[in-house]
Amino acid sequence: MRVFVTGGFGNVGMSTVRALLSYGHDVCIFEQPSARTRRQKRLRELLRDGRGRLSVFYGDITDERALSEAMTFGGDPDAVIHLAGIIPPLADRKPDLARRVNVGGTRTLLDLCKTLPRSPRFIFASSIAIYGDRLEYPWISMQDPVSPNDTYGATKNECESLLMESCLEWTILRLSYVVSSDWLPFSPQLYDVPPATRLEVVHTEDAGRAFAKACGLPKAARGIFNIGGGSDCRTTYRAYLDRLMRYFGLGSSSFLSDDLFARGNFHCGWFTDSDEAEAVLLFRSKTLEDYYSEVSWRVRALRPLGSLASWAVKPWIRSLSPYRAMPDRVRSPQFV
C-alpha cells in the first residue's frame, strides 16, 4: 500500500510513519519547508528506517501543485493521512494563519484527492478539542454535541464537515491528550490546563498505530473514533503533574498552587467509548504507567540536580505562569 502523510515530522507523524513502515507500506511525507532544517535528526532516523520505501517532499499545504507533485510521486496513493496543522498556542495567537493552514490546507488536499483516477481513503487527525471545555462534565462520547471554544477546535470541526460532505471514503480520529517523553513540562503552556481537568491520555506510538491501521481496515471506513488509551490511561492533570515533578526531583506539584493555572476554557476529559475504537483499530500497547516509566528513565540524570536546586527551580517554574498577574482571566491573553 502507498500512503501519503502530511505532517510526518511531528510526534504523532513520526509514530505514524514508523508504524506504516513496520507494516510494509511505502510512505511519502509532505512537510513544511522549515521542517527541513528543524527536524534533520528525525529525517535521518526515518530515512534509515525506510530503507528505500520512504520519500519526503516539502511545500505549503495549501499549494495544490506542490501537493500534486508529491502525492503522485511513484504512483497514486491508496490512502492519505492528514496530520499537518497549526496547533495551540500558535493557533490562538494567529487565528488567520490557523484557518488558512488547517481549513484551507484540508480543502486543497481533498480537492486534489477527488481528481485522482482512484480516490484514496482519507484519514483525518481531529481532536478532543472539538468537544470544548468539559471540566464540569468530564465524560465524553461520540453522541455529545461538538462545541469548540478555541481556534484550533473550531478549525478541526470545519475540517470534519468538509470531509463528511466529500465523496471520498474517509475516517476521522479524534485524538485525546497525546503524551510523549520528548515533551518537558516547563513552558507557559503548563498552566493552560486547570488542575482538576480529567485526562485520558494516548501514547504517541499508539496514536500512530491507530492512523496506520485505519488505512486499510474496511470497518474503519466512514467511521469517527475517539482515540484514547482507555481506563489504564485516565488521570487528572494534578496527579499527572505530581508524577512528572517527582521525576525531576521536585517532589509533589503542591508548590504549584491552583491560582497559577487557567480556571477553564480548556478541553479534555475521559472518553466513554474509546474502547470501541480499540475494538476496530487494535492500536493500544502502552498504558499511562508505561509513559511514566519512559519519562522517569529519560530524565534520570536530571533528578538529583533538580532535587539539589529545587530552591531555585521551583520559583522559576512558578514564574512561567501567565495567570499570576491576571487572576481574573479564564485563559492567558494569548488565547483571548
C-alpha atoms as a PDB file:
ATOM      1  CA  MET A   1       0.000   0.000   0.000  1.00  0.00           C
ATOM      2  CA  ARG A   2       1.188   3.544  -0.794  1.00  0.00           C
ATOM      3  CA  VAL A   3       0.373   6.102   1.895  1.00  0.00           C
ATOM      4  CA  PHE A   4       0.716   9.880   1.657  1.00  0.00           C
ATOM      5  CA  VAL A   5       1.279  11.551   5.058  1.00  0.00           C
ATOM      6  CA  THR A   6       1.144  15.274   5.778  1.00  0.00           C
ATOM      7  CA  GLY A   7       2.899  16.487   8.912  1.00  0.00           C
ATOM      8  CA  GLY A   8       5.074  13.387   9.165  1.00  0.00           C
ATOM      9  CA  PHE A   9       7.779  15.016  11.299  1.00  0.00           C
ATOM     10  CA  GLY A  10       5.585  15.775  14.312  1.00  0.00           C
ATOM     11  CA  ASN A  11       5.371  13.453  17.308  1.00  0.00           C
ATOM     12  CA  VAL A  12       2.262  11.665  16.054  1.00  0.00           C
ATOM     13  CA  GLY A  13       3.557  11.949  12.494  1.00  0.00           C
ATOM     14  CA  MET A  14       6.803  10.176  13.340  1.00  0.00           C
ATOM     15  CA  SER A  15       4.908   7.438  15.166  1.00  0.00           C
ATOM     16  CA  THR A  16       2.506   7.062  12.238  1.00  0.00           C
ATOM     17  CA  VAL A  17       5.265   6.818   9.646  1.00  0.00           C
ATOM     18  CA  ARG A  18       7.171   4.272  11.701  1.00  0.00           C
ATOM     19  CA  ALA A  19       4.034   2.173  12.118  1.00  0.00           C
ATOM     20  CA  LEU A  20       3.319   2.327   8.382  1.00  0.00           C
ATOM     21  CA  LEU A  21       6.865   1.263   7.543  1.00  0.00           C
ATOM     22  CA  SER A  22       6.700  -1.582  10.062  1.00  0.00           C
ATOM     23  CA  TYR A  23       3.577  -2.861   8.287  1.00  0.00           C
ATOM     24  CA  GLY A  24       5.451  -2.902   4.967  1.00  0.00           C
ATOM     25  CA  HIS A  25       3.817   0.140   3.346  1.00  0.00           C
ATOM     26  CA  ASP A  26       5.510   2.678   1.065  1.00  0.00           C
ATOM     27  CA  VAL A  27       5.282   6.171   2.531  1.00  0.00           C
ATOM     28  CA  CYS A  28       5.542   9.686   1.118  1.00  0.00           C
ATOM     29  CA  ILE A  29       5.801  12.540   3.632  1.00  0.00           C
ATOM     30  CA  PHE A  30       4.749  16.121   2.847  1.00  0.00           C
ATOM     31  CA  GLU A  31       6.117  18.696   5.311  1.00  0.00           C
ATOM     32  CA  GLN A  32       6.505  22.440   5.585  1.00  0.00           C
ATOM     33  CA  PRO A  33       9.887  23.743   4.346  1.00  0.00           C
ATOM     34  CA  SER A  34      11.034  24.911   7.784  1.00  0.00           C
ATOM     35  CA  ALA A  35      10.976  21.298   8.957  1.00  0.00           C
ATOM     36  CA  ARG A  36      13.891  20.580   6.609  1.00  0.00           C
ATOM     37  CA  THR A  37      16.301  22.312   8.996  1.00  0.00           C
ATOM     38  CA  ARG A  38      14.448  21.955  12.304  1.00  0.00           C
ATOM     39  CA  ARG A  39      13.940  18.213  12.067  1.00  0.00           C
ATOM     40  CA  GLN A  40      17.162  16.932  10.463  1.00  0.00           C
ATOM     41  CA  LYS A  41      17.713  14.307  13.149  1.00  0.00           C
ATOM     42  CA  ARG A  42      14.175  12.962  12.735  1.00  0.00           C
ATOM     43  CA  LEU A  43      14.561  12.898   8.966  1.00  0.00           C
ATOM     44  CA  ARG A  44      17.762  10.857   9.223  1.00  0.00           C
ATOM     45  CA  GLU A  45      16.050   8.403  11.566  1.00  0.00           C
ATOM     46  CA  LEU A  46      13.079   7.992   9.235  1.00  0.00           C
ATOM     47  CA  LEU A  47      15.202   7.544   6.129  1.00  0.00           C
ATOM     48  CA  ARG A  48      17.227   4.912   7.932  1.00  0.00           C
ATOM     49  CA  ASP A  49      14.065   3.075   8.942  1.00  0.00           C
ATOM     50  CA  GLY A  50      12.515   3.474   5.490  1.00  0.00           C
ATOM     51  CA  ARG A  51      15.220   1.637   3.530  1.00  0.00           C
ATOM     52  CA  GLY A  52      14.064   2.926   0.150  1.00  0.00           C
ATOM     53  CA  ARG A  53      10.327   2.851   0.953  1.00  0.00           C
ATOM     54  CA  LEU A  54      10.185   6.450   2.148  1.00  0.00           C
ATOM     55  CA  SER A  55      10.215   9.722   0.206  1.00  0.00           C
ATOM     56  CA  VAL A  56       9.988  13.274   1.570  1.00  0.00           C
ATOM     57  CA  PHE A  57       8.665  16.436  -0.101  1.00  0.00           C
ATOM     58  CA  TYR A  58       8.480  19.993   1.230  1.00  0.00           C
ATOM     59  CA  GLY A  59       5.928  22.681   0.474  1.00  0.00           C
ATOM     60  CA  ASP A  60       2.906  24.716   1.532  1.00  0.00           C
ATOM     61  CA  ILE A  61      -0.093  22.541   2.391  1.00  0.00           C
ATOM     62  CA  THR A  62      -2.336  24.999   0.513  1.00  0.00           C
ATOM     63  CA  ASP A  63      -0.232  24.750  -2.692  1.00  0.00           C
ATOM     64  CA  GLU A  64      -2.124  22.298  -4.902  1.00  0.00           C
ATOM     65  CA  ARG A  65       0.709  21.994  -7.424  1.00  0.00           C
ATOM     66  CA  ALA A  66       3.293  21.095  -4.773  1.00  0.00           C
ATOM     67  CA  LEU A  67       0.867  18.642  -3.185  1.00  0.00           C
ATOM     68  CA  SER A  68       0.076  17.030  -6.538  1.00  0.00           C
ATOM     69  CA  GLU A  69       3.738  16.502  -7.423  1.00  0.00           C
ATOM     70  CA  ALA A  70       4.406  14.905  -4.054  1.00  0.00           C
ATOM     71  CA  MET A  71       1.221  12.847  -3.816  1.00  0.00           C
ATOM     72  CA  THR A  72       1.564  11.217  -7.235  1.00  0.00           C
ATOM     73  CA  PHE A  73       5.305  10.577  -6.973  1.00  0.00           C
ATOM     74  CA  GLY A  74       5.753   6.891  -7.813  1.00  0.00           C
ATOM     75  CA  GLY A  75       2.031   6.358  -8.356  1.00  0.00           C
ATOM     76  CA  ASP A  76      -1.284   7.399  -6.823  1.00  0.00           C
ATOM     77  CA  PRO A  77      -1.686   6.780  -3.088  1.00  0.00           C
ATOM     78  CA  ASP A  78      -4.023   4.194  -1.643  1.00  0.00           C
ATOM     79  CA  ALA A  79      -4.511   6.290   1.485  1.00  0.00           C
ATOM     80  CA  VAL A  80      -3.880   9.847   2.687  1.00  0.00           C
ATOM     81  CA  ILE A  81      -3.209  10.538   6.369  1.00  0.00           C
ATOM     82  CA  HIS A  82      -3.654  14.236   7.088  1.00  0.00           C
ATOM     83  CA  LEU A  83      -1.819  15.274  10.260  1.00  0.00           C
ATOM     84  CA  ALA A  84      -0.483  18.704   9.275  1.00  0.00           C
ATOM     85  CA  GLY A  85      -1.919  21.724  11.027  1.00  0.00           C
ATOM     86  CA  ILE A  86      -1.352  24.737  13.258  1.00  0.00           C
ATOM     87  CA  ILE A  87      -1.861  23.836  16.922  1.00  0.00           C
ATOM     88  CA  PRO A  88      -2.076  25.911  20.119  1.00  0.00           C
ATOM     89  CA  PRO A  89      -0.656  28.223  21.260  1.00  0.00           C
ATOM     90  CA  LEU A  90       0.203  29.464  17.745  1.00  0.00           C
ATOM     91  CA  ALA A  91      -3.326  28.715  16.516  1.00  0.00           C
ATOM     92  CA  ASP A  92      -4.768  31.095  19.110  1.00  0.00           C
ATOM     93  CA  ARG A  93      -2.176  33.803  18.596  1.00  0.00           C
ATOM     94  CA  LYS A  94      -2.582  33.695  14.805  1.00  0.00           C
ATOM     95  CA  PRO A  95      -6.133  32.533  14.036  1.00  0.00           C
ATOM     96  CA  ASP A  96      -5.983  33.644  10.394  1.00  0.00           C
ATOM     97  CA  LEU A  97      -2.893  31.512   9.820  1.00  0.00           C
ATOM     98  CA  ALA A  98      -4.531  28.585  11.595  1.00  0.00           C
ATOM     99  CA  ARG A  99      -7.618  28.857   9.410  1.00  0.00           C
ATOM    100  CA  ARG A 100      -5.561  29.158   6.208  1.00  0.00           C
ATOM    101  CA  VAL A 101      -3.429  26.121   7.033  1.00  0.00           C
ATOM    102  CA  ASN A 102      -5.907  23.917   8.883  1.00  0.00           C
ATOM    103  CA  VAL A 103      -9.063  24.536   6.873  1.00  0.00           C
ATOM    104  CA  GLY A 104      -7.545  25.780   3.623  1.00  0.00           C
ATOM    105  CA  GLY A 105      -4.952  23.027   3.560  1.00  0.00           C
ATOM    106  CA  THR A 106      -7.552  20.345   4.183  1.00  0.00           C
ATOM    107  CA  ARG A 107      -9.780  21.716   1.431  1.00  0.00           C
ATOM    108  CA  THR A 108      -6.867  21.779  -1.035  1.00  0.00           C
ATOM    109  CA  LEU A 109      -5.906  18.226  -0.159  1.00  0.00           C
ATOM    110  CA  LEU A 110      -9.479  16.982  -0.505  1.00  0.00           C
ATOM    111  CA  ASP A 111      -9.930  18.692  -3.873  1.00  0.00           C
ATOM    112  CA  LEU A 112      -6.736  17.083  -5.130  1.00  0.00           C
ATOM    113  CA  CYS A 113      -7.823  13.627  -3.966  1.00  0.00           C
ATOM    114  CA  LYS A 114     -11.059  14.000  -5.916  1.00  0.00           C
ATOM    115  CA  THR A 115      -9.118  14.472  -9.172  1.00  0.00           C
ATOM    116  CA  LEU A 116      -7.200  11.206  -8.903  1.00  0.00           C
ATOM    117  CA  PRO A 117      -8.286   8.272 -11.099  1.00  0.00           C
ATOM    118  CA  ARG A 118      -8.883   6.225  -7.952  1.00  0.00           C
ATOM    119  CA  SER A 119      -9.739   8.176  -4.817  1.00  0.00           C
ATOM    120  CA  PRO A 120      -7.677   7.227  -1.769  1.00  0.00           C
ATOM    121  CA  ARG A 121      -9.074   6.710   1.701  1.00  0.00           C
ATOM    122  CA  PHE A 122      -8.665   9.961   3.628  1.00  0.00           C
ATOM    123  CA  ILE A 123      -7.740   9.608   7.323  1.00  0.00           C
ATOM    124  CA  PHE A 124      -8.031  12.870   9.221  1.00  0.00           C
ATOM    125  CA  ALA A 125      -6.453  13.809  12.557  1.00  0.00           C
ATOM    126  CA  SER A 126      -9.152  15.573  14.539  1.00  0.00           C
ATOM    127  CA  SER A 127      -9.099  16.375  18.242  1.00  0.00           C
ATOM    128  CA  ILE A 128     -10.915  16.125  21.532  1.00  0.00           C
ATOM    129  CA  ALA A 129     -10.798  19.939  21.364  1.00  0.00           C
ATOM    130  CA  ILE A 130     -13.959  19.946  19.237  1.00  0.00           C
ATOM    131  CA  TYR A 131     -15.961  18.989  22.355  1.00  0.00           C
ATOM    132  CA  GLY A 132     -14.887  22.200  24.097  1.00  0.00           C
ATOM    133  CA  ASP A 133     -14.470  22.763  27.829  1.00  0.00           C
ATOM    134  CA  ARG A 134     -15.504  19.610  29.713  1.00  0.00           C
ATOM    135  CA  LEU A 135     -14.175  20.486  33.164  1.00  0.00           C
ATOM    136  CA  GLU A 136     -17.657  20.256  34.700  1.00  0.00           C
ATOM    137  CA  TYR A 137     -18.861  17.316  32.584  1.00  0.00           C
ATOM    138  CA  PRO A 138     -15.738  15.201  32.002  1.00  0.00           C
ATOM    139  CA  TRP A 139     -17.261  12.080  30.420  1.00  0.00           C
ATOM    140  CA  ILE A 140     -17.236  12.425  26.630  1.00  0.00           C
ATOM    141  CA  SER A 141     -18.892  10.266  23.983  1.00  0.00           C
ATOM    142  CA  MET A 142     -19.352  10.373  20.225  1.00  0.00           C
ATOM    143  CA  GLN A 143     -23.018  11.269  20.788  1.00  0.00           C
ATOM    144  CA  ASP A 144     -22.109  14.520  22.548  1.00  0.00           C
ATOM    145  CA  PRO A 145     -22.582  17.733  20.562  1.00  0.00           C
ATOM    146  CA  VAL A 146     -19.419  19.430  19.380  1.00  0.00           C
ATOM    147  CA  SER A 147     -18.787  22.804  20.985  1.00  0.00           C
ATOM    148  CA  PRO A 148     -15.241  24.038  20.296  1.00  0.00           C
ATOM    149  CA  ASN A 149     -14.151  27.026  22.353  1.00  0.00           C
ATOM    150  CA  ASP A 150     -10.840  27.874  20.680  1.00  0.00           C
ATOM    151  CA  THR A 151      -9.490  28.443  17.195  1.00  0.00           C
ATOM    152  CA  TYR A 152      -7.894  25.019  16.958  1.00  0.00           C
ATOM    153  CA  GLY A 153     -11.063  23.138  17.883  1.00  0.00           C
ATOM    154  CA  ALA A 154     -13.161  25.299  15.550  1.00  0.00           C
ATOM    155  CA  THR A 155     -10.895  24.576  12.579  1.00  0.00           C
ATOM    156  CA  LYS A 156     -10.964  20.844  13.312  1.00  0.00           C
ATOM    157  CA  ASN A 157     -14.752  20.953  13.350  1.00  0.00           C
ATOM    158  CA  GLU A 158     -14.813  22.726   9.980  1.00  0.00           C
ATOM    159  CA  CYS A 159     -12.427  20.185   8.513  1.00  0.00           C
ATOM    160  CA  GLU A 160     -14.596  17.297   9.688  1.00  0.00           C
ATOM    161  CA  SER A 161     -17.570  18.876   7.914  1.00  0.00           C
ATOM    162  CA  LEU A 162     -15.568  19.230   4.703  1.00  0.00           C
ATOM    163  CA  LEU A 163     -14.650  15.572   4.891  1.00  0.00           C
ATOM    164  CA  MET A 164     -18.156  14.309   5.538  1.00  0.00           C
ATOM    165  CA  GLU A 165     -19.515  16.405   2.662  1.00  0.00           C
ATOM    166  CA  SER A 166     -16.954  14.988   0.235  1.00  0.00           C
ATOM    167  CA  CYS A 167     -17.412  11.973  -1.996  1.00  0.00           C
ATOM    168  CA  LEU A 168     -14.282  10.323  -0.591  1.00  0.00           C
ATOM    169  CA  GLU A 169     -14.003   7.328   1.694  1.00  0.00           C
ATOM    170  CA  TRP A 170     -12.864   8.819   4.972  1.00  0.00           C
ATOM    171  CA  THR A 171     -12.018   8.037   8.584  1.00  0.00           C
ATOM    172  CA  ILE A 172     -11.824  10.602  11.398  1.00  0.00           C
ATOM    173  CA  LEU A 173      -9.739  10.024  14.521  1.00  0.00           C
ATOM    174  CA  ARG A 174     -10.396  12.427  17.393  1.00  0.00           C
ATOM    175  CA  LEU A 175      -7.226  12.314  19.454  1.00  0.00           C
ATOM    176  CA  SER A 176      -7.229  12.817  23.194  1.00  0.00           C
ATOM    177  CA  TYR A 177      -4.207  14.153  25.120  1.00  0.00           C
ATOM    178  CA  VAL A 178      -1.198  12.665  23.283  1.00  0.00           C
ATOM    179  CA  VAL A 179       1.824  12.003  25.506  1.00  0.00           C
ATOM    180  CA  SER A 180       5.444  11.596  24.515  1.00  0.00           C
ATOM    181  CA  SER A 181       8.551  11.518  26.686  1.00  0.00           C
ATOM    182  CA  ASP A 182      10.053  14.048  24.242  1.00  0.00           C
ATOM    183  CA  TRP A 183       7.963  16.801  25.838  1.00  0.00           C
ATOM    184  CA  LEU A 184       9.230  18.503  29.000  1.00  0.00           C
ATOM    185  CA  PRO A 185       6.586  20.330  31.048  1.00  0.00           C
ATOM    186  CA  PHE A 186       8.418  23.621  31.531  1.00  0.00           C
ATOM    187  CA  SER A 187       6.732  26.324  29.488  1.00  0.00           C
ATOM    188  CA  PRO A 188       3.817  28.744  29.990  1.00  0.00           C
ATOM    189  CA  GLN A 189       1.535  26.143  28.369  1.00  0.00           C
ATOM    190  CA  LEU A 190       1.941  24.097  31.536  1.00  0.00           C
ATOM    191  CA  TYR A 191      -0.613  26.409  33.155  1.00  0.00           C
ATOM    192  CA  ASP A 192      -3.310  26.415  30.475  1.00  0.00           C
ATOM    193  CA  VAL A 193      -4.901  23.248  31.877  1.00  0.00           C
ATOM    194  CA  PRO A 194      -6.962  23.570  35.094  1.00  0.00           C
ATOM    195  CA  PRO A 195      -5.556  21.126  37.708  1.00  0.00           C
ATOM    196  CA  ALA A 196      -8.923  19.314  38.088  1.00  0.00           C
ATOM    197  CA  THR A 197      -9.080  18.506  34.354  1.00  0.00           C
ATOM    198  CA  ARG A 198      -9.565  14.804  33.633  1.00  0.00           C
ATOM    199  CA  LEU A 199      -7.113  13.377  31.128  1.00  0.00           C
ATOM    200  CA  GLU A 200      -7.399  10.171  29.154  1.00  0.00           C
ATOM    201  CA  VAL A 201      -4.003  10.120  27.511  1.00  0.00           C
ATOM    202  CA  VAL A 202      -2.938   8.193  24.452  1.00  0.00           C
ATOM    203  CA  HIS A 203       0.718   7.361  23.886  1.00  0.00           C
ATOM    204  CA  THR A 204       2.151   8.807  20.682  1.00  0.00           C
ATOM    205  CA  GLU A 205       3.102   5.308  19.478  1.00  0.00           C
ATOM    206  CA  ASP A 206      -0.458   4.073  19.967  1.00  0.00           C
ATOM    207  CA  ALA A 207      -1.830   7.118  18.145  1.00  0.00           C
ATOM    208  CA  GLY A 208       0.494   6.392  15.235  1.00  0.00           C
ATOM    209  CA  ARG A 209      -0.670   2.787  15.136  1.00  0.00           C
ATOM    210  CA  ALA A 210      -4.300   3.914  15.034  1.00  0.00           C
ATOM    211  CA  PHE A 211      -3.688   6.009  11.917  1.00  0.00           C
ATOM    212  CA  ALA A 212      -1.691   3.255  10.232  1.00  0.00           C
ATOM    213  CA  LYS A 213      -4.384   0.662  10.962  1.00  0.00           C
ATOM    214  CA  ALA A 214      -7.150   2.962   9.695  1.00  0.00           C
ATOM    215  CA  CYS A 215      -5.644   2.972   6.189  1.00  0.00           C
ATOM    216  CA  GLY A 216      -6.853  -0.441   5.168  1.00  0.00           C
ATOM    217  CA  LEU A 217      -9.495  -1.727   7.559  1.00  0.00           C
ATOM    218  CA  PRO A 218     -12.944  -1.923   5.908  1.00  0.00           C
ATOM    219  CA  LYS A 219     -14.607  -1.462   9.324  1.00  0.00           C
ATOM    220  CA  ALA A 220     -12.894   1.923   9.700  1.00  0.00           C
ATOM    221  CA  ALA A 221     -14.432   3.383   6.532  1.00  0.00           C
ATOM    222  CA  ARG A 222     -16.662   6.418   7.212  1.00  0.00           C
ATOM    223  CA  GLY A 223     -16.081   5.984  10.915  1.00  0.00           C
ATOM    224  CA  ILE A 224     -15.442   8.610  13.569  1.00  0.00           C
ATOM    225  CA  PHE A 225     -13.468   7.349  16.558  1.00  0.00           C
ATOM    226  CA  ASN A 226     -12.481   8.803  19.913  1.00  0.00           C
ATOM    227  CA  ILE A 227      -8.840   7.783  20.316  1.00  0.00           C
ATOM    228  CA  GLY A 228      -7.744   7.388  23.939  1.00  0.00           C
ATOM    229  CA  GLY A 229      -5.824   4.883  25.987  1.00  0.00           C
ATOM    230  CA  GLY A 230      -8.823   3.635  27.974  1.00  0.00           C
ATOM    231  CA  SER A 231      -9.186   3.065  31.696  1.00  0.00           C
ATOM    232  CA  ASP A 232      -5.450   2.403  32.189  1.00  0.00           C
ATOM    233  CA  CYS A 233      -4.668   5.853  30.821  1.00  0.00           C
ATOM    234  CA  ARG A 234      -7.040   8.016  32.884  1.00  0.00           C
ATOM    235  CA  THR A 235      -5.886  10.508  35.465  1.00  0.00           C
ATOM    236  CA  THR A 236      -6.286  14.139  36.486  1.00  0.00           C
ATOM    237  CA  TYR A 237      -3.944  16.907  35.477  1.00  0.00           C
ATOM    238  CA  ARG A 238      -2.934  17.449  39.114  1.00  0.00           C
ATOM    239  CA  ALA A 239      -1.992  13.781  39.543  1.00  0.00           C
ATOM    240  CA  TYR A 240      -0.170  13.910  36.209  1.00  0.00           C
ATOM    241  CA  LEU A 241       1.869  16.911  37.369  1.00  0.00           C
ATOM    242  CA  ASP A 242       2.644  15.191  40.682  1.00  0.00           C
ATOM    243  CA  ARG A 243       4.301  12.306  38.895  1.00  0.00           C
ATOM    244  CA  LEU A 244       6.252  14.478  36.470  1.00  0.00           C
ATOM    245  CA  MET A 245       7.561  16.839  39.130  1.00  0.00           C
ATOM    246  CA  ARG A 246       8.759  13.931  41.247  1.00  0.00           C
ATOM    247  CA  TYR A 247      10.705  12.548  38.297  1.00  0.00           C
ATOM    248  CA  PHE A 248      12.544  15.875  38.120  1.00  0.00           C
ATOM    249  CA  GLY A 249      13.397  15.674  41.814  1.00  0.00           C
ATOM    250  CA  LEU A 250      10.954  18.433  42.816  1.00  0.00           C
ATOM    251  CA  GLY A 251       8.552  16.407  44.958  1.00  0.00           C
ATOM    252  CA  SER A 252       4.789  16.799  44.587  1.00  0.00           C
ATOM    253  CA  SER A 253       3.251  19.535  42.472  1.00  0.00           C
ATOM    254  CA  SER A 254       1.786  21.247  45.558  1.00  0.00           C
ATOM    255  CA  PHE A 255       4.273  24.099  45.111  1.00  0.00           C
ATOM    256  CA  LEU A 256       2.212  24.990  42.025  1.00  0.00           C
ATOM    257  CA  SER A 257      -0.923  26.451  43.610  1.00  0.00           C
ATOM    258  CA  ASP A 258      -4.240  26.364  41.764  1.00  0.00           C
ATOM    259  CA  ASP A 259      -4.235  30.143  41.251  1.00  0.00           C
ATOM    260  CA  LEU A 260      -1.293  29.764  38.847  1.00  0.00           C
ATOM    261  CA  PHE A 261      -3.488  27.839  36.394  1.00  0.00           C
ATOM    262  CA  ALA A 262      -6.301  28.672  33.994  1.00  0.00           C
ATOM    263  CA  ARG A 263      -9.748  28.305  35.523  1.00  0.00           C
ATOM    264  CA  GLY A 264     -11.429  26.939  32.401  1.00  0.00           C
ATOM    265  CA  ASN A 265     -11.782  27.084  28.629  1.00  0.00           C
ATOM    266  CA  PHE A 266      -9.506  24.119  28.082  1.00  0.00           C
ATOM    267  CA  HIS A 267     -10.595  20.795  26.613  1.00  0.00           C
ATOM    268  CA  CYS A 268     -10.033  17.142  27.606  1.00  0.00           C
ATOM    269  CA  GLY A 269     -11.921  14.551  29.580  1.00  0.00           C
ATOM    270  CA  TRP A 270     -12.499  10.823  29.831  1.00  0.00           C
ATOM    271  CA  PHE A 271     -13.960   9.007  26.813  1.00  0.00           C
ATOM    272  CA  THR A 272     -16.874   6.654  27.404  1.00  0.00           C
ATOM    273  CA  ASP A 273     -16.322   4.964  24.048  1.00  0.00           C
ATOM    274  CA  SER A 274     -12.579   4.821  23.328  1.00  0.00           C
ATOM    275  CA  ASP A 275     -12.762   1.040  23.788  1.00  0.00           C
ATOM    276  CA  GLU A 276     -14.943   0.954  20.667  1.00  0.00           C
ATOM    277  CA  ALA A 277     -12.088   2.487  18.683  1.00  0.00           C
ATOM    278  CA  GLU A 278      -9.704  -0.097  20.098  1.00  0.00           C
ATOM    279  CA  ALA A 279     -12.064  -2.917  19.102  1.00  0.00           C
ATOM    280  CA  VAL A 280     -11.849  -1.799  15.473  1.00  0.00           C
ATOM    281  CA  LEU A 281      -8.288  -0.471  15.168  1.00  0.00           C
ATOM    282  CA  LEU A 282      -6.388  -2.578  17.750  1.00  0.00           C
ATOM    283  CA  PHE A 283      -3.859   0.171  18.365  1.00  0.00           C
ATOM    284  CA  ARG A 284      -3.176   0.089  22.122  1.00  0.00           C
ATOM    285  CA  SER A 285       0.084  -1.162  23.571  1.00  0.00           C
ATOM    286  CA  LYS A 286       1.054   1.486  26.147  1.00  0.00           C
ATOM    287  CA  THR A 287      -0.529   2.469  29.460  1.00  0.00           C
ATOM    288  CA  LEU A 288      -0.081   5.637  31.466  1.00  0.00           C
ATOM    289  CA  GLU A 289       2.373   3.768  33.697  1.00  0.00           C
ATOM    290  CA  ASP A 290       4.433   2.867  30.631  1.00  0.00           C
ATOM    291  CA  TYR A 291       4.641   6.544  29.744  1.00  0.00           C
ATOM    292  CA  TYR A 292       5.661   7.463  33.301  1.00  0.00           C
ATOM    293  CA  SER A 293       8.410   4.839  33.164  1.00  0.00           C
ATOM    294  CA  GLU A 294       9.704   6.317  29.914  1.00  0.00           C
ATOM    295  CA  VAL A 295       9.803   9.820  31.408  1.00  0.00           C
ATOM    296  CA  SER A 296      11.491   8.569  34.575  1.00  0.00           C
ATOM    297  CA  TRP A 297      14.228   6.882  32.547  1.00  0.00           C
ATOM    298  CA  ARG A 298      14.654   9.828  30.194  1.00  0.00           C
ATOM    299  CA  VAL A 299      15.227  12.388  32.974  1.00  0.00           C
ATOM    300  CA  ARG A 300      17.072  10.103  35.403  1.00  0.00           C
ATOM    301  CA  ALA A 301      20.270  12.194  35.191  1.00  0.00           C
ATOM    302  CA  LEU A 302      18.369  15.414  35.936  1.00  0.00           C
ATOM    303  CA  ARG A 303      16.611  14.110  39.044  1.00  0.00           C
ATOM    304  CA  PRO A 304      19.489  14.607  41.532  1.00  0.00           C
ATOM    305  CA  LEU A 305      20.213  18.051  40.100  1.00  0.00           C
ATOM    306  CA  GLY A 306      16.565  19.060  40.345  1.00  0.00           C
ATOM    307  CA  SER A 307      16.443  17.945  43.956  1.00  0.00           C
ATOM    308  CA  LEU A 308      19.582  19.887  44.892  1.00  0.00           C
ATOM    309  CA  ALA A 309      18.493  23.032  43.086  1.00  0.00           C
ATOM    310  CA  SER A 310      14.772  22.856  43.905  1.00  0.00           C
ATOM    311  CA  TRP A 311      15.020  26.050  45.951  1.00  0.00           C
ATOM    312  CA  ALA A 312      15.764  27.903  42.691  1.00  0.00           C
ATOM    313  CA  VAL A 313      13.904  25.718  40.190  1.00  0.00           C
ATOM    314  CA  LYS A 314      10.503  25.894  41.877  1.00  0.00           C
ATOM    315  CA  PRO A 315      10.263  29.718  41.876  1.00  0.00           C
ATOM    316  CA  TRP A 316      11.399  29.733  38.242  1.00  0.00           C
ATOM    317  CA  ILE A 317       8.666  27.279  37.241  1.00  0.00           C
ATOM    318  CA  ARG A 318       6.070  29.362  39.100  1.00  0.00           C
ATOM    319  CA  SER A 319       7.294  32.468  37.269  1.00  0.00           C
ATOM    320  CA  LEU A 320       6.304  30.908  33.940  1.00  0.00           C
ATOM    321  CA  SER A 321       2.593  31.188  34.737  1.00  0.00           C
ATOM    322  CA  PRO A 322       0.866  33.859  32.619  1.00  0.00           C
ATOM    323  CA  TYR A 323      -2.035  33.934  35.106  1.00  0.00           C
ATOM    324  CA  ARG A 324      -0.268  35.238  38.205  1.00  0.00           C
ATOM    325  CA  ALA A 325      -0.640  38.897  37.282  1.00  0.00           C
ATOM    326  CA  MET A 326      -4.116  38.446  35.799  1.00  0.00           C
ATOM    327  CA  PRO A 327      -6.130  36.261  38.204  1.00  0.00           C
ATOM    328  CA  ASP A 328      -9.452  37.339  36.688  1.00  0.00           C
ATOM    329  CA  ARG A 329      -8.660  35.888  33.269  1.00  0.00           C
ATOM    330  CA  VAL A 330     -10.029  32.462  32.425  1.00  0.00           C
ATOM    331  CA  ARG A 331      -7.266  31.940  29.890  1.00  0.00           C
ATOM    332  CA  SER A 332      -3.965  33.583  29.114  1.00  0.00           C
ATOM    333  CA  PRO A 333      -4.062  36.776  26.959  1.00  0.00           C
ATOM    334  CA  GLN A 334      -2.641  34.811  24.046  1.00  0.00           C
ATOM    335  CA  PHE A 335      -5.903  32.846  23.919  1.00  0.00           C
ATOM    336  CA  VAL A 336      -8.289  35.798  24.117  1.00  0.00           C
END
